[in-house]
Amino acid sequence: MTDTIQADRKMLESLVCPVTHAPLAYDAERQELISRAAHLAFPIRGGIPIMLVDEARKLD
């Protein structure tokens, strides 16, 4: 199980915002990847990050 968590973290760390190519922050509570640069939150569904702008939630 620990290997899975470490692999997931490495995968999340390697992802960047598809709009700005800036790093993303992981919000474990909301299960989202946050792009502060683009003011978008990309959902994670079933453990899979959905990196489509049309699926992202706009941040205030």
N, C-alpha and C. Protein backbone atom coordinates (compact mmCIF):
# COMPACT_ATOMS: atom_id res chain seq x y z
N MET A 1 0.83 -1.20 0.00
CA MET A 1 0.00 0.00 0.00
C MET A 1 0.87 1.26 0.00
N THR A 2 1.93 1.25 0.76
CA THR A 2 2.81 2.41 0.82
C THR A 2 3.42 2.70 -0.54
N ASP A 3 3.77 1.66 -1.29
CA ASP A 3 4.32 1.86 -2.63
C ASP A 3 3.33 2.55 -3.54
N THR A 4 2.04 2.20 -3.40
CA THR A 4 1.00 2.83 -4.21
C THR A 4 0.89 4.31 -3.89
N ILE A 5 0.92 4.64 -2.61
CA ILE A 5 0.83 6.05 -2.19
C ILE A 5 2.02 6.83 -2.73
N GLN A 6 3.24 6.25 -2.64
CA GLN A 6 4.42 6.93 -3.15
C GLN A 6 4.36 7.09 -4.66
N ALA A 7 3.88 6.08 -5.36
CA ALA A 7 3.75 6.16 -6.82
C ALA A 7 2.75 7.23 -7.19
N ASP A 8 1.63 7.28 -6.47
CA ASP A 8 0.61 8.28 -6.73
C ASP A 8 1.16 9.69 -6.51
N ARG A 9 1.90 9.88 -5.44
CA ARG A 9 2.49 11.19 -5.16
C ARG A 9 3.47 11.59 -6.26
N LYS A 10 4.29 10.65 -6.71
CA LYS A 10 5.25 10.96 -7.78
C LYS A 10 4.51 11.31 -9.06
N MET A 11 3.42 10.60 -9.34
CA MET A 11 2.64 10.89 -10.54
C MET A 11 2.02 12.29 -10.43
N LEU A 12 1.46 12.60 -9.27
CA LEU A 12 0.84 13.92 -9.09
C LEU A 12 1.88 15.03 -9.19
N GLU A 13 3.06 14.79 -8.64
CA GLU A 13 4.12 15.80 -8.69
C GLU A 13 4.61 16.05 -10.12
N SER A 14 4.46 15.06 -10.98
CA SER A 14 4.94 15.22 -12.36
C SER A 14 3.93 15.93 -13.25
N LEU A 15 2.69 16.04 -12.80
CA LEU A 15 1.66 16.71 -13.60
C LEU A 15 1.81 18.22 -13.50
N VAL A 16 1.50 18.90 -14.59
CA VAL A 16 1.49 20.36 -14.61
C VAL A 16 0.16 20.83 -15.19
N CYS A 17 -0.14 22.07 -14.98
CA CYS A 17 -1.37 22.66 -15.51
C CYS A 17 -1.33 22.60 -17.04
N PRO A 18 -2.40 22.10 -17.66
CA PRO A 18 -2.43 22.05 -19.12
C PRO A 18 -2.54 23.42 -19.78
N VAL A 19 -2.90 24.43 -19.01
CA VAL A 19 -3.06 25.79 -19.55
C VAL A 19 -1.75 26.57 -19.44
N THR A 20 -1.17 26.57 -18.24
CA THR A 20 0.01 27.41 -17.97
C THR A 20 1.32 26.63 -17.85
N HIS A 21 1.23 25.33 -17.72
CA HIS A 21 2.38 24.45 -17.50
C HIS A 21 3.05 24.70 -16.16
N ALA A 22 2.34 25.36 -15.25
CA ALA A 22 2.83 25.61 -13.90
C ALA A 22 2.55 24.37 -13.03
N PRO A 23 3.28 24.23 -11.93
CA PRO A 23 3.04 23.12 -11.00
C PRO A 23 1.62 23.19 -10.42
N LEU A 24 1.13 22.03 -10.00
CA LEU A 24 -0.19 21.92 -9.41
C LEU A 24 -0.06 21.58 -7.93
N ALA A 25 -1.02 22.05 -7.15
CA ALA A 25 -1.09 21.70 -5.73
C ALA A 25 -2.20 20.66 -5.55
N TYR A 26 -1.97 19.69 -4.68
CA TYR A 26 -2.94 18.63 -4.44
C TYR A 26 -3.81 18.98 -3.24
N ASP A 27 -5.12 19.00 -3.43
CA ASP A 27 -6.08 19.22 -2.35
C ASP A 27 -6.72 17.86 -2.05
N ALA A 28 -6.23 17.18 -1.01
CA ALA A 28 -6.69 15.83 -0.67
C ALA A 28 -8.16 15.84 -0.23
N GLU A 29 -8.57 16.87 0.49
CA GLU A 29 -9.95 16.93 0.99
C GLU A 29 -10.96 17.00 -0.15
N ARG A 30 -10.69 17.82 -1.13
CA ARG A 30 -11.61 17.98 -2.27
C ARG A 30 -11.30 17.06 -3.44
N GLN A 31 -10.17 16.35 -3.34
CA GLN A 31 -9.73 15.47 -4.43
C GLN A 31 -9.62 16.26 -5.74
N GLU A 32 -8.77 17.29 -5.68
CA GLU A 32 -8.55 18.16 -6.83
C GLU A 32 -7.07 18.51 -6.94
N LEU A 33 -6.67 18.84 -8.15
CA LEU A 33 -5.36 19.42 -8.40
C LEU A 33 -5.58 20.88 -8.72
N ILE A 34 -4.92 21.75 -7.98
CA ILE A 34 -5.15 23.19 -8.07
C ILE A 34 -4.06 23.86 -8.89
N SER A 35 -4.49 24.63 -9.88
CA SER A 35 -3.58 25.49 -10.64
C SER A 35 -3.84 26.92 -10.20
N ARG A 36 -2.95 27.41 -9.36
CA ARG A 36 -3.12 28.80 -8.89
C ARG A 36 -2.89 29.78 -10.04
N ALA A 37 -2.00 29.43 -10.95
CA ALA A 37 -1.68 30.30 -12.09
C ALA A 37 -2.89 30.48 -13.01
N ALA A 38 -3.64 29.41 -13.24
CA ALA A 38 -4.80 29.48 -14.14
C ALA A 38 -6.11 29.68 -13.39
N HIS A 39 -6.05 29.66 -12.05
CA HIS A 39 -7.25 29.80 -11.21
C HIS A 39 -8.27 28.71 -11.53
N LEU A 40 -7.75 27.45 -11.64
CA LEU A 40 -8.59 26.30 -11.95
C LEU A 40 -8.30 25.16 -10.98
N ALA A 41 -9.33 24.34 -10.73
CA ALA A 41 -9.19 23.13 -9.93
C ALA A 41 -9.63 21.95 -10.79
N PHE A 42 -8.70 21.03 -11.02
CA PHE A 42 -8.97 19.86 -11.84
C PHE A 42 -9.38 18.69 -10.93
N PRO A 43 -10.50 18.05 -11.21
CA PRO A 43 -10.98 16.98 -10.33
C PRO A 43 -10.16 15.70 -10.49
N ILE A 44 -10.17 14.91 -9.42
CA ILE A 44 -9.60 13.56 -9.45
C ILE A 44 -10.78 12.62 -9.21
N ARG A 45 -11.08 11.79 -10.19
CA ARG A 45 -12.22 10.87 -10.10
C ARG A 45 -11.73 9.43 -10.18
N GLY A 46 -12.05 8.66 -9.18
CA GLY A 46 -11.62 7.26 -9.16
C GLY A 46 -10.11 7.13 -9.20
N GLY A 47 -9.42 8.11 -8.63
CA GLY A 47 -7.97 8.09 -8.60
C GLY A 47 -7.31 8.60 -9.87
N ILE A 48 -8.12 9.06 -10.83
CA ILE A 48 -7.59 9.53 -12.11
C ILE A 48 -7.77 11.04 -12.23
N PRO A 49 -6.67 11.79 -12.37
CA PRO A 49 -6.79 13.24 -12.56
C PRO A 49 -7.43 13.54 -13.93
N ILE A 50 -8.43 14.38 -13.93
CA ILE A 50 -9.11 14.79 -15.16
C ILE A 50 -8.53 16.16 -15.53
N MET A 51 -7.63 16.16 -16.48
CA MET A 51 -6.87 17.36 -16.82
C MET A 51 -7.46 18.12 -18.01
N LEU A 52 -8.77 18.11 -18.11
CA LEU A 52 -9.46 18.82 -19.18
C LEU A 52 -9.98 20.15 -18.65
N VAL A 53 -9.73 21.22 -19.37
CA VAL A 53 -10.16 22.55 -18.94
C VAL A 53 -11.68 22.59 -18.79
N ASP A 54 -12.39 21.91 -19.68
CA ASP A 54 -13.86 21.90 -19.61
C ASP A 54 -14.39 21.23 -18.35
N GLU A 55 -13.59 20.38 -17.73
CA GLU A 55 -13.99 19.68 -16.50
C GLU A 55 -13.52 20.41 -15.24
N ALA A 56 -12.67 21.40 -15.40
CA ALA A 56 -12.10 22.11 -14.25
C ALA A 56 -13.11 23.07 -13.63
N ARG A 57 -12.94 23.27 -12.33
CA ARG A 57 -13.76 24.23 -11.60
C ARG A 57 -12.98 25.53 -11.52
N LYS A 58 -13.64 26.65 -11.80
CA LYS A 58 -12.99 27.95 -11.71
C LYS A 58 -12.87 28.37 -10.25
N LEU A 59 -11.70 28.88 -9.89
CA LEU A 59 -11.46 29.36 -8.54
C LEU A 59 -11.70 30.86 -8.49
N ASP A 60 -12.14 31.32 -7.35
CA ASP A 60 -12.39 32.76 -7.16
C ASP A 60 -11.11 33.53 -7.06
